[in-house]
């Protein structure tokens, strides 16, 4: 920093930690308080763990992949729940399109795109799922991929979940389209 960088060794640190607290500067006392087995009290207050049990660690296999592995049923259920939330969001979002013709067109386009994406997502996701042979990984396991084709293990559940989301969104958007199209002229669903 100022042209002179002292080099400390582990022996110097051990010798420094054996000194009485009155002879150690305050900055070093804080470091000494972090060392297990040290008897000094830190001069700063802060949040510290007071429990005796260790911090929880996620269970992983030998490759570092989090356990339990993803199951097809759980991925489908999560996609369906997210699809229901997408239908609710679409219901709120359709009110931002005020013109009747534009609102009906918007809902028809969303229904069409969700139908296509549902088919593609479920077909390709199911194919990738079968190709992986049970080695299915989450997005957070991306760093455990070791081969060029390993991305398929992560994309399989993503495509299945997005496909099921779109599969639930399709009838919701189609139903909203039918509801808005058949609404009375002066109703709040019809638009302006």
Protein backbone atom coordinates (compact mmCIF):
# COMPACT_ATOMS: atom_id res chain seq x y z
CA UNK A 1 0.00 0.00 0.00
CA UNK A 2 2.72 2.49 0.96
CA UNK A 3 5.54 0.75 -0.84
CA UNK A 4 6.26 -1.69 1.98
CA UNK A 5 4.20 -4.82 2.34
CA UNK A 6 5.23 -6.87 5.39
CA UNK A 7 4.99 -10.58 4.87
CA UNK A 8 3.52 -12.50 7.78
CA UNK A 9 3.87 -16.22 8.24
CA UNK A 10 1.66 -18.62 10.14
CA UNK A 11 4.24 -18.69 12.92
CA UNK A 12 4.01 -14.89 13.25
CA UNK A 13 0.23 -15.11 13.46
CA UNK A 14 0.39 -17.84 16.11
CA UNK A 15 2.91 -15.82 18.13
CA UNK A 16 0.72 -12.72 17.83
CA UNK A 17 -2.36 -14.58 19.03
CA UNK A 18 -0.55 -15.70 22.19
CA UNK A 19 0.07 -12.12 23.36
CA UNK A 20 -2.17 -10.70 26.09
CA UNK A 21 -5.11 -8.65 24.87
CA UNK A 22 -3.70 -5.40 26.32
CA UNK A 23 -0.69 -5.54 23.97
CA UNK A 24 -2.65 -6.24 20.77
CA UNK A 25 -4.12 -3.36 18.75
CA UNK A 26 -7.90 -3.27 18.35
CA UNK A 27 -7.87 -4.33 14.68
CA UNK A 28 -5.87 -7.42 15.53
CA UNK A 29 -8.21 -8.20 18.45
CA UNK A 30 -11.07 -8.53 15.98
CA UNK A 31 -9.07 -11.03 13.95
CA UNK A 32 -8.10 -12.89 17.11
CA UNK A 33 -11.78 -13.14 18.13
CA UNK A 34 -12.58 -14.95 14.89
CA UNK A 35 -9.99 -17.65 15.53
CA UNK A 36 -11.44 -20.73 17.29
CA UNK A 37 -9.98 -21.32 20.73
CA UNK A 38 -9.14 -17.66 21.28
CA UNK A 39 -10.23 -16.19 24.61
CA UNK A 40 -10.52 -12.51 23.64
CA UNK A 41 -13.79 -10.66 23.15
CA UNK A 42 -14.34 -8.80 19.87
CA UNK A 43 -14.42 -5.02 20.19
CA UNK A 44 -17.19 -4.73 17.59
CA UNK A 45 -20.69 -6.02 18.01
CA UNK A 46 -22.25 -8.03 15.24
CA UNK A 47 -24.58 -10.86 14.45
CA UNK A 48 -23.04 -14.18 15.38
CA UNK A 49 -24.35 -17.70 15.45
CA UNK A 50 -25.14 -18.73 19.00
CA UNK A 51 -26.39 -22.24 18.32
CA UNK A 52 -24.12 -25.20 18.84
CA UNK A 53 -25.40 -27.13 15.80
CA UNK A 54 -23.61 -26.61 12.47
CA UNK A 55 -25.14 -24.70 9.59
CA UNK A 56 -27.39 -26.80 7.39
CA UNK A 57 -25.81 -28.16 4.25
CA UNK A 58 -27.72 -29.35 1.21
CA UNK A 59 -27.35 -33.04 0.50
CA UNK A 60 -25.37 -33.68 -2.67
CA UNK A 61 -24.20 -36.76 -4.48
CA UNK A 62 -20.60 -37.46 -5.50
CA UNK A 63 -20.93 -35.20 -8.55
CA UNK A 64 -22.10 -32.24 -6.44
CA UNK A 65 -25.69 -32.45 -7.70
CA UNK A 66 -28.33 -31.54 -5.12
CA UNK A 67 -30.47 -34.32 -3.78
CA UNK A 68 -33.23 -35.37 -4.10
CA UNK A 69 -33.22 -35.37 -7.87
CA UNK A 70 -36.09 -33.79 -9.77
CA UNK A 71 -39.08 -36.05 -10.32
CA UNK A 72 -41.32 -35.80 -13.36
CA UNK A 73 -44.47 -35.46 -11.25
CA UNK A 74 -43.03 -32.54 -9.24
CA UNK A 75 -41.94 -30.71 -12.40
CA UNK A 76 -45.40 -31.15 -13.97
CA UNK A 77 -47.19 -29.97 -10.82
CA UNK A 78 -44.96 -26.90 -10.53
CA UNK A 79 -45.55 -26.10 -14.20
CA UNK A 80 -49.33 -26.40 -13.73
CA UNK A 81 -49.29 -24.08 -10.71
CA UNK A 82 -47.22 -21.55 -12.64
CA UNK A 83 -49.67 -21.91 -15.55
CA UNK A 84 -52.59 -21.04 -13.29
CA UNK A 85 -50.67 -17.98 -12.11
CA UNK A 86 -50.01 -17.07 -15.76
CA UNK A 87 -53.74 -17.25 -16.53
CA UNK A 88 -54.46 -14.90 -13.61
CA UNK A 89 -51.75 -12.55 -14.87
CA UNK A 90 -53.21 -12.70 -18.36
CA UNK A 91 -56.65 -11.84 -16.95
CA UNK A 92 -55.22 -8.72 -15.30
CA UNK A 93 -53.04 -7.88 -18.29
CA UNK A 94 -55.89 -7.97 -20.79
CA UNK A 95 -57.39 -4.86 -19.17
CA UNK A 96 -54.36 -2.84 -20.25
CA UNK A 97 -55.44 -3.43 -23.86
CA UNK A 98 -58.48 -1.16 -24.02
CA UNK A 99 -59.83 -1.56 -27.56
CA UNK A 100 -62.17 -4.55 -28.04
CA UNK A 101 -60.64 -5.73 -31.29
CA UNK A 102 -57.10 -5.37 -29.92
CA UNK A 103 -58.04 -7.21 -26.72
CA UNK A 104 -59.55 -10.14 -28.62
CA UNK A 105 -56.55 -10.27 -30.96
CA UNK A 106 -54.15 -10.17 -27.99
CA UNK A 107 -55.89 -13.10 -26.30
CA UNK A 108 -56.01 -15.08 -29.55
CA UNK A 109 -52.28 -14.55 -30.16
CA UNK A 110 -51.41 -15.58 -26.58
CA UNK A 111 -53.57 -18.71 -26.96
CA UNK A 112 -51.94 -19.59 -30.29
CA UNK A 113 -48.38 -19.11 -29.08
CA UNK A 114 -49.05 -21.03 -25.87
CA UNK A 115 -50.54 -23.92 -27.87
CA UNK A 116 -47.45 -24.15 -30.08
CA UNK A 117 -45.03 -23.76 -27.19
CA UNK A 118 -46.92 -26.34 -25.10
CA UNK A 119 -46.58 -28.93 -27.83
CA UNK A 120 -42.92 -28.20 -28.51
CA UNK A 121 -41.97 -27.94 -24.83
CA UNK A 122 -43.64 -31.17 -23.79
CA UNK A 123 -42.42 -33.18 -26.80
CA UNK A 124 -38.79 -32.01 -26.68
CA UNK A 125 -38.70 -31.92 -22.87
CA UNK A 126 -40.05 -35.46 -22.66
CA UNK A 127 -37.56 -36.63 -25.27
CA UNK A 128 -34.66 -35.00 -23.40
CA UNK A 129 -35.95 -36.45 -20.11
CA UNK A 130 -35.92 -39.98 -21.55
CA UNK A 131 -32.51 -39.41 -23.15
CA UNK A 132 -30.98 -38.43 -19.79
CA UNK A 133 -31.80 -41.76 -18.21
CA UNK A 134 -32.72 -40.36 -14.79
CA UNK A 135 -29.80 -37.92 -14.48
CA UNK A 136 -31.99 -34.81 -14.30
CA UNK A 137 -30.50 -31.65 -12.81
CA UNK A 138 -31.72 -28.27 -11.61
CA UNK A 139 -30.60 -24.88 -12.92
CA UNK A 140 -28.43 -24.42 -9.83
CA UNK A 141 -26.55 -27.60 -10.77
CA UNK A 142 -25.26 -25.98 -13.97
CA UNK A 143 -21.66 -26.04 -12.74
CA UNK A 144 -21.75 -29.81 -12.31
CA UNK A 145 -22.04 -30.37 -16.08
CA UNK A 146 -18.86 -31.98 -17.38
CA UNK A 147 -19.68 -32.93 -20.99
CA UNK A 148 -20.77 -31.02 -24.07
CA UNK A 149 -24.15 -32.71 -24.11
CA UNK A 150 -24.73 -32.23 -20.38
CA UNK A 151 -26.95 -29.20 -20.91
CA UNK A 152 -29.74 -31.57 -21.92
CA UNK A 153 -29.92 -32.73 -18.29
CA UNK A 154 -30.87 -29.19 -17.27
CA UNK A 155 -33.02 -28.30 -20.27
CA UNK A 156 -35.27 -31.36 -19.91
CA UNK A 157 -37.09 -30.18 -16.76
CA UNK A 158 -37.12 -26.60 -18.02
CA UNK A 159 -38.85 -27.55 -21.25
CA UNK A 160 -41.31 -29.84 -19.49
CA UNK A 161 -42.20 -27.16 -16.93
CA UNK A 162 -42.59 -24.44 -19.58
CA UNK A 163 -44.58 -26.80 -21.78
CA UNK A 164 -47.01 -27.63 -18.97
CA UNK A 165 -47.25 -23.92 -18.09
CA UNK A 166 -48.20 -23.17 -21.69
CA UNK A 167 -50.56 -26.16 -21.75
CA UNK A 168 -52.48 -24.66 -18.82
CA UNK A 169 -52.25 -21.15 -20.28
CA UNK A 170 -53.73 -22.21 -23.64
CA UNK A 171 -57.28 -23.07 -22.47
CA UNK A 172 -57.22 -20.11 -20.07
CA UNK A 173 -56.37 -17.67 -22.87
CA UNK A 174 -58.88 -19.34 -25.19
CA UNK A 175 -61.58 -19.12 -22.53
CA UNK A 176 -60.82 -15.45 -21.91
CA UNK A 177 -60.94 -14.87 -25.67
CA UNK A 178 -64.39 -16.46 -25.85
CA UNK A 179 -65.55 -14.54 -22.78
CA UNK A 180 -64.42 -11.16 -24.15
CA UNK A 181 -65.71 -11.90 -27.64
CA UNK A 182 -69.20 -12.76 -26.35
CA UNK A 183 -69.35 -9.94 -23.78
CA UNK A 184 -72.11 -7.36 -24.00
CA UNK A 185 -71.23 -4.14 -25.83
CA UNK A 186 -71.33 -1.88 -22.78
CA UNK A 187 -69.69 -4.30 -20.26
CA UNK A 188 -66.28 -3.88 -18.67
CA UNK A 189 -65.05 -7.05 -20.37
CA UNK A 190 -65.88 -5.78 -23.83
CA UNK A 191 -63.53 -2.79 -23.74
CA UNK A 192 -63.93 0.45 -25.61
